[in-house]
Amino acid sequence: MEKRDQIKQMAEWIKEKRGMVVFSGAGMSTESGIPDYRSKQGLWNNIDPTVMASIDTLEENYDLCYEFYKARMESLRSCTPHEGYRVLKRLEDAGYLDAIVTQNVDGFHIKSGNKTVYELHGTYGEFKCNSCGSLVDVELFLKKEKCPHCGSRVLRPNVVLFGEMLPQREWNLALRAVENAEILLVMGTSLTVSPANQIPYLCKGKKIYVNRERSGQEHLFDLFLEGSCKETLLMLEEELFSS
């Protein structure tokens, strides 16, 4: 099936069923210029980011983790949401989109105006004390100040590290949304990170998968579109709203 025909099929399902949930991964972020979490560039050439972003490393070598998180923050500050995020906002406003579930920590879905967003892996928009869990101002983190509540020096982004559980409330709300969805649109993820990769199995409705390359998970879906998340969303917008 040609890409344009696939887009028409998506639009037909969305108009007919509504009740859509989007599940987004790193592929949405990279199209805004954010480096893939697992990419190795510059200072981190010889360091595995998945090891760096673990709770064990945070507690054993905070100074090195601090430099890593600060570099991640700086890369986020230089990027802005691409046009595909605007399309998702328009879909929500039109009543087609019920919720967004995301693995991304850049906060771009919320910055773009979507109201119902479940950030499974947390956000770089908040910082907290690793010892007492209190939220703290970003400037305290940047200046490497101590927690004003308990005195700990281990401040960090409010993101889920390897070795930590997902936030239970966000996870439960996301599961409920996916289970009730008439359409699940999965975008920009290879579906390899557990437990979020179980989400497609929970949807009883139509399932659509958009990714730049095949991941081996295509058999789980009713429709697979190979390519850019942004371009796919812009084509979908044209198909849904042009008439």
C-alpha atoms as a PDB file:
ATOM      1  CA  MET A   1       0.000   0.000   0.000  1.00  0.00           C
ATOM      2  CA  GLU A   2       1.349   3.440  -0.929  1.00  0.00           C
ATOM      3  CA  LYS A   3       2.018   5.975   1.849  1.00  0.00           C
ATOM      4  CA  ARG A   4      -0.828   8.238   0.716  1.00  0.00           C
ATOM      5  CA  ASP A   5      -3.241   5.287   0.791  1.00  0.00           C
ATOM      6  CA  GLN A   6      -2.042   4.383   4.280  1.00  0.00           C
ATOM      7  CA  ILE A   7      -2.688   7.954   5.433  1.00  0.00           C
ATOM      8  CA  LYS A   8      -6.213   7.810   3.992  1.00  0.00           C
ATOM      9  CA  GLN A   9      -6.821   4.563   5.869  1.00  0.00           C
ATOM     10  CA  MET A  10      -5.593   6.172   9.118  1.00  0.00           C
ATOM     11  CA  ALA A  11      -7.856   9.165   8.593  1.00  0.00           C
ATOM     12  CA  GLU A  12     -10.877   6.950   7.926  1.00  0.00           C
ATOM     13  CA  TRP A  13     -10.327   4.990  11.130  1.00  0.00           C
ATOM     14  CA  ILE A  14      -9.818   8.176  13.167  1.00  0.00           C
ATOM     15  CA  LYS A  15     -12.979   9.801  11.807  1.00  0.00           C
ATOM     16  CA  GLU A  16     -15.004   6.639  12.311  1.00  0.00           C
ATOM     17  CA  LYS A  17     -13.786   5.566  15.732  1.00  0.00           C
ATOM     18  CA  ARG A  18     -12.255   8.576  17.493  1.00  0.00           C
ATOM     19  CA  GLY A  19     -11.038   7.608  20.991  1.00  0.00           C
ATOM     20  CA  MET A  20      -7.374   7.594  19.908  1.00  0.00           C
ATOM     21  CA  VAL A  21      -4.312   7.308  22.166  1.00  0.00           C
ATOM     22  CA  VAL A  22      -0.788   8.133  20.952  1.00  0.00           C
ATOM     23  CA  PHE A  23       2.250   6.323  22.360  1.00  0.00           C
ATOM     24  CA  SER A  24       5.447   8.211  21.484  1.00  0.00           C
ATOM     25  CA  GLY A  25       9.129   7.339  21.755  1.00  0.00           C
ATOM     26  CA  ALA A  26      12.523   8.807  20.923  1.00  0.00           C
ATOM     27  CA  GLY A  27      11.733   9.067  17.201  1.00  0.00           C
ATOM     28  CA  MET A  28       9.447  12.026  17.935  1.00  0.00           C
ATOM     29  CA  SER A  29      12.253  13.800  19.829  1.00  0.00           C
ATOM     30  CA  THR A  30      15.095  13.169  17.391  1.00  0.00           C
ATOM     31  CA  GLU A  31      13.157  14.944  14.641  1.00  0.00           C
ATOM     32  CA  SER A  32      13.377  18.076  16.799  1.00  0.00           C
ATOM     33  CA  GLY A  33      17.152  17.746  16.894  1.00  0.00           C
ATOM     34  CA  ILE A  34      17.432  16.032  20.270  1.00  0.00           C
ATOM     35  CA  PRO A  35      20.155  13.347  20.187  1.00  0.00           C
ATOM     36  CA  ASP A  36      18.932   9.805  20.695  1.00  0.00           C
ATOM     37  CA  TYR A  37      19.380   8.794  24.334  1.00  0.00           C
ATOM     38  CA  ARG A  38      21.636   5.952  23.235  1.00  0.00           C
ATOM     39  CA  SER A  39      23.750   7.997  20.813  1.00  0.00           C
ATOM     40  CA  LYS A  40      27.384   8.476  21.752  1.00  0.00           C
ATOM     41  CA  GLN A  41      28.794  11.905  20.993  1.00  0.00           C
ATOM     42  CA  GLY A  42      31.628  14.135  22.157  1.00  0.00           C
ATOM     43  CA  LEU A  43      32.372  13.831  25.848  1.00  0.00           C
ATOM     44  CA  TRP A  44      30.354  10.604  26.143  1.00  0.00           C
ATOM     45  CA  ASN A  45      32.069   8.746  23.293  1.00  0.00           C
ATOM     46  CA  ASN A  46      33.377   5.967  25.526  1.00  0.00           C
ATOM     47  CA  ILE A  47      30.566   5.936  28.101  1.00  0.00           C
ATOM     48  CA  ASP A  48      27.354   3.948  27.809  1.00  0.00           C
ATOM     49  CA  PRO A  49      24.483   6.392  28.578  1.00  0.00           C
ATOM     50  CA  THR A  50      22.345   3.524  29.843  1.00  0.00           C
ATOM     51  CA  VAL A  51      24.954   2.899  32.538  1.00  0.00           C
ATOM     52  CA  MET A  52      25.300   6.618  33.252  1.00  0.00           C
ATOM     53  CA  ALA A  53      21.535   7.018  33.696  1.00  0.00           C
ATOM     54  CA  SER A  54      21.252   4.355  36.379  1.00  0.00           C
ATOM     55  CA  ILE A  55      20.406   4.788  40.036  1.00  0.00           C
ATOM     56  CA  ASP A  56      23.582   2.907  41.028  1.00  0.00           C
ATOM     57  CA  THR A  57      25.844   5.285  39.101  1.00  0.00           C
ATOM     58  CA  LEU A  58      24.008   8.306  40.506  1.00  0.00           C
ATOM     59  CA  GLU A  59      24.655   7.160  44.060  1.00  0.00           C
ATOM     60  CA  GLU A  60      28.235   5.996  43.456  1.00  0.00           C
ATOM     61  CA  ASN A  61      29.574   8.788  41.227  1.00  0.00           C
ATOM     62  CA  TYR A  62      27.332  11.839  41.493  1.00  0.00           C
ATOM     63  CA  ASP A  63      29.818  14.327  40.042  1.00  0.00           C
ATOM     64  CA  LEU A  64      30.090  12.396  36.773  1.00  0.00           C
ATOM     65  CA  CYS A  65      26.293  11.976  36.606  1.00  0.00           C
ATOM     66  CA  TYR A  66      25.843  15.676  37.238  1.00  0.00           C
ATOM     67  CA  GLU A  67      27.936  16.533  34.161  1.00  0.00           C
ATOM     68  CA  PHE A  68      25.940  14.039  32.100  1.00  0.00           C
ATOM     69  CA  TYR A  69      22.559  15.425  33.154  1.00  0.00           C
ATOM     70  CA  LYS A  70      23.718  19.010  32.703  1.00  0.00           C
ATOM     71  CA  ALA A  71      24.819  18.195  29.137  1.00  0.00           C
ATOM     72  CA  ARG A  72      21.437  16.600  28.456  1.00  0.00           C
ATOM     73  CA  MET A  73      19.701  19.729  29.743  1.00  0.00           C
ATOM     74  CA  GLU A  74      21.752  21.956  27.475  1.00  0.00           C
ATOM     75  CA  SER A  75      20.905  19.827  24.441  1.00  0.00           C
ATOM     76  CA  LEU A  76      17.195  20.116  25.282  1.00  0.00           C
ATOM     77  CA  ARG A  77      17.338  23.892  25.699  1.00  0.00           C
ATOM     78  CA  SER A  78      18.602  24.340  22.135  1.00  0.00           C
ATOM     79  CA  CYS A  79      15.673  22.389  20.625  1.00  0.00           C
ATOM     80  CA  THR A  80      11.984  23.148  20.070  1.00  0.00           C
ATOM     81  CA  PRO A  81       8.978  20.918  19.231  1.00  0.00           C
ATOM     82  CA  HIS A  82       8.565  20.232  15.516  1.00  0.00           C
ATOM     83  CA  GLU A  83       5.328  20.679  13.556  1.00  0.00           C
ATOM     84  CA  GLY A  84       4.142  17.154  14.318  1.00  0.00           C
ATOM     85  CA  TYR A  85       3.560  18.147  17.940  1.00  0.00           C
ATOM     86  CA  ARG A  86       1.271  20.940  16.760  1.00  0.00           C
ATOM     87  CA  VAL A  87      -0.748  18.384  14.795  1.00  0.00           C
ATOM     88  CA  LEU A  88      -1.261  16.284  17.928  1.00  0.00           C
ATOM     89  CA  LYS A  89      -2.539  19.370  19.733  1.00  0.00           C
ATOM     90  CA  ARG A  90      -4.980  19.996  16.876  1.00  0.00           C
ATOM     91  CA  LEU A  91      -6.163  16.373  16.995  1.00  0.00           C
ATOM     92  CA  GLU A  92      -6.864  16.721  20.715  1.00  0.00           C
ATOM     93  CA  ASP A  93      -8.707  20.004  20.229  1.00  0.00           C
ATOM     94  CA  ALA A  94     -10.848  18.402  17.505  1.00  0.00           C
ATOM     95  CA  GLY A  95     -11.868  15.540  19.786  1.00  0.00           C
ATOM     96  CA  TYR A  96      -9.957  12.822  17.929  1.00  0.00           C
ATOM     97  CA  LEU A  97      -7.173  12.328  20.484  1.00  0.00           C
ATOM     98  CA  ASP A  98      -7.923  11.321  24.098  1.00  0.00           C
ATOM     99  CA  ALA A  99      -4.417  11.018  25.536  1.00  0.00           C
ATOM    100  CA  ILE A 100      -0.696  10.830  24.861  1.00  0.00           C
ATOM    101  CA  VAL A 101       1.505   8.263  26.572  1.00  0.00           C
ATOM    102  CA  THR A 102       5.198   9.010  26.132  1.00  0.00           C
ATOM    103  CA  GLN A 103       8.584   7.523  26.959  1.00  0.00           C
ATOM    104  CA  ASN A 104      10.220  10.910  26.276  1.00  0.00           C
ATOM    105  CA  VAL A 105      11.462  13.219  29.019  1.00  0.00           C
ATOM    106  CA  ASP A 106      11.751  16.450  26.986  1.00  0.00           C
ATOM    107  CA  GLY A 107       8.262  17.701  27.918  1.00  0.00           C
ATOM    108  CA  PHE A 108       7.528  18.667  24.306  1.00  0.00           C
ATOM    109  CA  HIS A 109       3.975  17.276  24.279  1.00  0.00           C
ATOM    110  CA  ILE A 110       3.022  19.485  27.223  1.00  0.00           C
ATOM    111  CA  LYS A 111       4.933  22.481  25.834  1.00  0.00           C
ATOM    112  CA  SER A 112       2.944  22.092  22.620  1.00  0.00           C
ATOM    113  CA  GLY A 113      -0.336  22.395  24.485  1.00  0.00           C
ATOM    114  CA  ASN A 114      -1.620  18.837  24.806  1.00  0.00           C
ATOM    115  CA  LYS A 115      -3.556  18.523  28.044  1.00  0.00           C
ATOM    116  CA  THR A 116      -3.718  14.786  28.743  1.00  0.00           C
ATOM    117  CA  VAL A 117      -0.126  13.534  28.702  1.00  0.00           C
ATOM    118  CA  TYR A 118       1.282  10.631  30.719  1.00  0.00           C
ATOM    119  CA  GLU A 119       5.091  10.919  30.969  1.00  0.00           C
ATOM    120  CA  LEU A 120       6.120   7.372  31.878  1.00  0.00           C
ATOM    121  CA  HIS A 121       9.804   8.172  32.292  1.00  0.00           C
ATOM    122  CA  GLY A 122       9.417  11.533  34.023  1.00  0.00           C
ATOM    123  CA  THR A 123      10.569  14.934  32.775  1.00  0.00           C
ATOM    124  CA  TYR A 124      13.592  17.208  32.628  1.00  0.00           C
ATOM    125  CA  GLY A 125      11.162  20.002  33.463  1.00  0.00           C
ATOM    126  CA  GLU A 126      11.385  19.116  37.166  1.00  0.00           C
ATOM    127  CA  PHE A 127      14.226  18.438  39.593  1.00  0.00           C
ATOM    128  CA  LYS A 128      14.206  16.651  42.912  1.00  0.00           C
ATOM    129  CA  CYS A 129      16.325  15.485  45.805  1.00  0.00           C
ATOM    130  CA  ASN A 130      17.363  11.855  45.458  1.00  0.00           C
ATOM    131  CA  SER A 131      17.300  11.408  49.252  1.00  0.00           C
ATOM    132  CA  CYS A 132      13.988  12.893  50.394  1.00  0.00           C
ATOM    133  CA  GLY A 133      12.150  13.164  47.045  1.00  0.00           C
ATOM    134  CA  SER A 134      11.272  16.855  47.445  1.00  0.00           C
ATOM    135  CA  LEU A 135      11.019  18.910  44.257  1.00  0.00           C
ATOM    136  CA  VAL A 136      13.682  21.633  44.038  1.00  0.00           C
ATOM    137  CA  ASP A 137      14.398  24.615  41.804  1.00  0.00           C
ATOM    138  CA  VAL A 138      16.519  23.936  38.733  1.00  0.00           C
ATOM    139  CA  GLU A 139      19.014  26.594  39.822  1.00  0.00           C
ATOM    140  CA  LEU A 140      19.876  24.570  42.926  1.00  0.00           C
ATOM    141  CA  PHE A 141      20.759  21.654  40.662  1.00  0.00           C
ATOM    142  CA  LEU A 142      22.813  23.806  38.276  1.00  0.00           C
ATOM    143  CA  LYS A 143      24.792  25.370  41.155  1.00  0.00           C
ATOM    144  CA  LYS A 144      25.240  21.954  42.829  1.00  0.00           C
ATOM    145  CA  GLU A 145      23.612  23.274  46.003  1.00  0.00           C
ATOM    146  CA  LYS A 146      22.316  21.064  48.787  1.00  0.00           C
ATOM    147  CA  CYS A 147      18.660  20.126  49.186  1.00  0.00           C
ATOM    148  CA  PRO A 148      16.957  22.843  51.286  1.00  0.00           C
ATOM    149  CA  HIS A 149      14.753  20.189  52.899  1.00  0.00           C
ATOM    150  CA  CYS A 150      17.206  17.512  54.037  1.00  0.00           C
ATOM    151  CA  GLY A 151      20.702  18.760  53.198  1.00  0.00           C
ATOM    152  CA  SER A 152      21.564  16.059  50.656  1.00  0.00           C
ATOM    153  CA  ARG A 153      23.832  17.137  47.772  1.00  0.00           C
ATOM    154  CA  VAL A 154      22.371  14.581  45.344  1.00  0.00           C
ATOM    155  CA  LEU A 155      19.917  16.615  43.253  1.00  0.00           C
ATOM    156  CA  ARG A 156      18.746  15.229  39.925  1.00  0.00           C
ATOM    157  CA  PRO A 157      16.213  15.564  37.105  1.00  0.00           C
ATOM    158  CA  ASN A 158      12.833  14.045  37.925  1.00  0.00           C
ATOM    159  CA  VAL A 159      13.288  11.247  35.401  1.00  0.00           C
ATOM    160  CA  VAL A 160      13.146   7.478  35.801  1.00  0.00           C
ATOM    161  CA  LEU A 161      16.628   5.976  35.923  1.00  0.00           C
ATOM    162  CA  PHE A 162      17.583   2.416  35.093  1.00  0.00           C
ATOM    163  CA  GLY A 163      16.966   0.402  38.229  1.00  0.00           C
ATOM    164  CA  GLU A 164      13.924   2.458  39.255  1.00  0.00           C
ATOM    165  CA  MET A 165      10.211   1.747  38.929  1.00  0.00           C
ATOM    166  CA  LEU A 166       7.958   3.768  36.643  1.00  0.00           C
ATOM    167  CA  PRO A 167       5.718   6.282  38.476  1.00  0.00           C
ATOM    168  CA  GLN A 168       2.757   4.133  39.494  1.00  0.00           C
ATOM    169  CA  ARG A 169       0.040   6.750  39.039  1.00  0.00           C
ATOM    170  CA  GLU A 170       1.195   7.682  35.504  1.00  0.00           C
ATOM    171  CA  TRP A 171       1.553   4.026  34.553  1.00  0.00           C
ATOM    172  CA  ASN A 172      -1.935   3.097  35.796  1.00  0.00           C
ATOM    173  CA  LEU A 173      -3.567   6.060  34.030  1.00  0.00           C
ATOM    174  CA  ALA A 174      -1.697   5.228  30.820  1.00  0.00           C
ATOM    175  CA  LEU A 175      -2.787   1.582  30.956  1.00  0.00           C
ATOM    176  CA  ARG A 176      -6.408   2.600  31.458  1.00  0.00           C
ATOM    177  CA  ALA A 177      -6.259   4.985  28.503  1.00  0.00           C
ATOM    178  CA  VAL A 178      -4.704   2.353  26.212  1.00  0.00           C
ATOM    179  CA  GLU A 179      -7.143  -0.357  27.287  1.00  0.00           C
ATOM    180  CA  ASN A 180     -10.090   1.940  26.461  1.00  0.00           C
ATOM    181  CA  ALA A 181      -8.638   3.262  23.195  1.00  0.00           C
ATOM    182  CA  GLU A 182     -10.386   2.533  19.925  1.00  0.00           C
ATOM    183  CA  ILE A 183      -7.169   3.447  18.088  1.00  0.00           C
ATOM    184  CA  LEU A 184      -3.574   3.212  19.324  1.00  0.00           C
ATOM    185  CA  LEU A 185      -1.033   5.199  17.307  1.00  0.00           C
ATOM    186  CA  VAL A 186       2.528   4.189  18.209  1.00  0.00           C
ATOM    187  CA  MET A 187       5.176   6.616  16.943  1.00  0.00           C
ATOM    188  CA  GLY A 188       8.955   6.665  16.950  1.00  0.00           C
ATOM    189  CA  THR A 189       9.804   3.741  19.194  1.00  0.00           C
ATOM    190  CA  SER A 190      11.439   0.377  18.586  1.00  0.00           C
ATOM    191  CA  LEU A 191       9.333  -1.084  21.418  1.00  0.00           C
ATOM    192  CA  THR A 192      12.343  -2.593  23.169  1.00  0.00           C
ATOM    193  CA  VAL A 193      12.154  -0.912  26.608  1.00  0.00           C
ATOM    194  CA  SER A 194      10.170  -2.806  29.248  1.00  0.00           C
ATOM    195  CA  PRO A 195       7.501  -2.466  30.555  1.00  0.00           C
ATOM    196  CA  ALA A 196       6.352   0.197  28.076  1.00  0.00           C
ATOM    197  CA  ASN A 197       6.833  -2.233  25.192  1.00  0.00           C
ATOM    198  CA  GLN A 198       3.851  -4.197  26.529  1.00  0.00           C
ATOM    199  CA  ILE A 199       1.468  -1.355  25.710  1.00  0.00           C
ATOM    200  CA  PRO A 200       0.494  -2.540  22.174  1.00  0.00           C
ATOM    201  CA  TYR A 201      -0.716  -5.836  23.632  1.00  0.00           C
ATOM    202  CA  LEU A 202      -3.236  -4.009  25.839  1.00  0.00           C
ATOM    203  CA  CYS A 203      -5.177  -2.223  23.101  1.00  0.00           C
ATOM    204  CA  LYS A 204      -8.209  -4.049  21.740  1.00  0.00           C
ATOM    205  CA  GLY A 205      -8.863  -1.501  18.983  1.00  0.00           C
ATOM    206  CA  LYS A 206      -7.048  -0.651  15.763  1.00  0.00           C
ATOM    207  CA  LYS A 207      -3.283  -0.371  16.107  1.00  0.00           C
ATOM    208  CA  ILE A 208      -1.056   1.792  13.889  1.00  0.00           C
ATOM    209  CA  TYR A 209       2.749   1.902  13.982  1.00  0.00           C
ATOM    210  CA  VAL A 210       4.932   4.710  12.570  1.00  0.00           C
ATOM    211  CA  ASN A 211       8.709   4.328  12.709  1.00  0.00           C
ATOM    212  CA  ARG A 212      11.712   5.186  10.545  1.00  0.00           C
ATOM    213  CA  GLU A 213      12.736   1.546  10.327  1.00  0.00           C
ATOM    214  CA  ARG A 214      11.334  -1.888  10.931  1.00  0.00           C
ATOM    215  CA  SER A 215      11.756  -3.151  14.482  1.00  0.00           C
ATOM    216  CA  GLY A 216      10.347  -6.658  14.188  1.00  0.00           C
ATOM    217  CA  GLN A 217       7.163  -5.597  15.998  1.00  0.00           C
ATOM    218  CA  GLU A 218       5.134  -4.771  12.880  1.00  0.00           C
ATOM    219  CA  HIS A 219       3.092  -7.970  13.167  1.00  0.00           C
ATOM    220  CA  LEU A 220       1.367  -6.569  16.253  1.00  0.00           C
ATOM    221  CA  PHE A 221      -0.286  -3.792  14.229  1.00  0.00           C
ATOM    222  CA  ASP A 222      -3.077  -3.376  11.703  1.00  0.00           C
ATOM    223  CA  LEU A 223      -1.052  -0.784   9.789  1.00  0.00           C
ATOM    224  CA  PHE A 224       2.687  -0.002   9.623  1.00  0.00           C
ATOM    225  CA  LEU A 225       4.027   3.211   8.067  1.00  0.00           C
ATOM    226  CA  GLU A 226       7.783   3.371   7.566  1.00  0.00           C
ATOM    227  CA  GLY A 227       9.111   6.931   7.782  1.00  0.00           C
ATOM    228  CA  SER A 228       9.153  10.210   9.665  1.00  0.00           C
ATOM    229  CA  CYS A 229       6.744  10.881  12.533  1.00  0.00           C
ATOM    230  CA  LYS A 230       6.567  14.578  11.637  1.00  0.00           C
ATOM    231  CA  GLU A 231       5.873  14.016   7.948  1.00  0.00           C
ATOM    232  CA  THR A 232       3.275  11.353   8.710  1.00  0.00           C
ATOM    233  CA  LEU A 233       1.427  13.655  11.109  1.00  0.00           C
ATOM    234  CA  LEU A 234       1.489  16.542   8.631  1.00  0.00           C
ATOM    235  CA  MET A 235       0.070  14.282   5.913  1.00  0.00           C
ATOM    236  CA  LEU A 236      -2.585  13.060   8.349  1.00  0.00           C
ATOM    237  CA  GLU A 237      -3.514  16.649   9.214  1.00  0.00           C
ATOM    238  CA  GLU A 238      -3.983  17.478   5.550  1.00  0.00           C
ATOM    239  CA  GLU A 239      -6.153  14.409   5.008  1.00  0.00           C
ATOM    240  CA  LEU A 240      -8.315  15.002   8.082  1.00  0.00           C
ATOM    241  CA  PHE A 241      -8.817  18.756   7.925  1.00  0.00           C
ATOM    242  CA  SER A 242      -8.505  19.777   4.253  1.00  0.00           C
ATOM    243  CA  SER A 243     -12.150  19.100   3.371  1.00  0.00           C
END
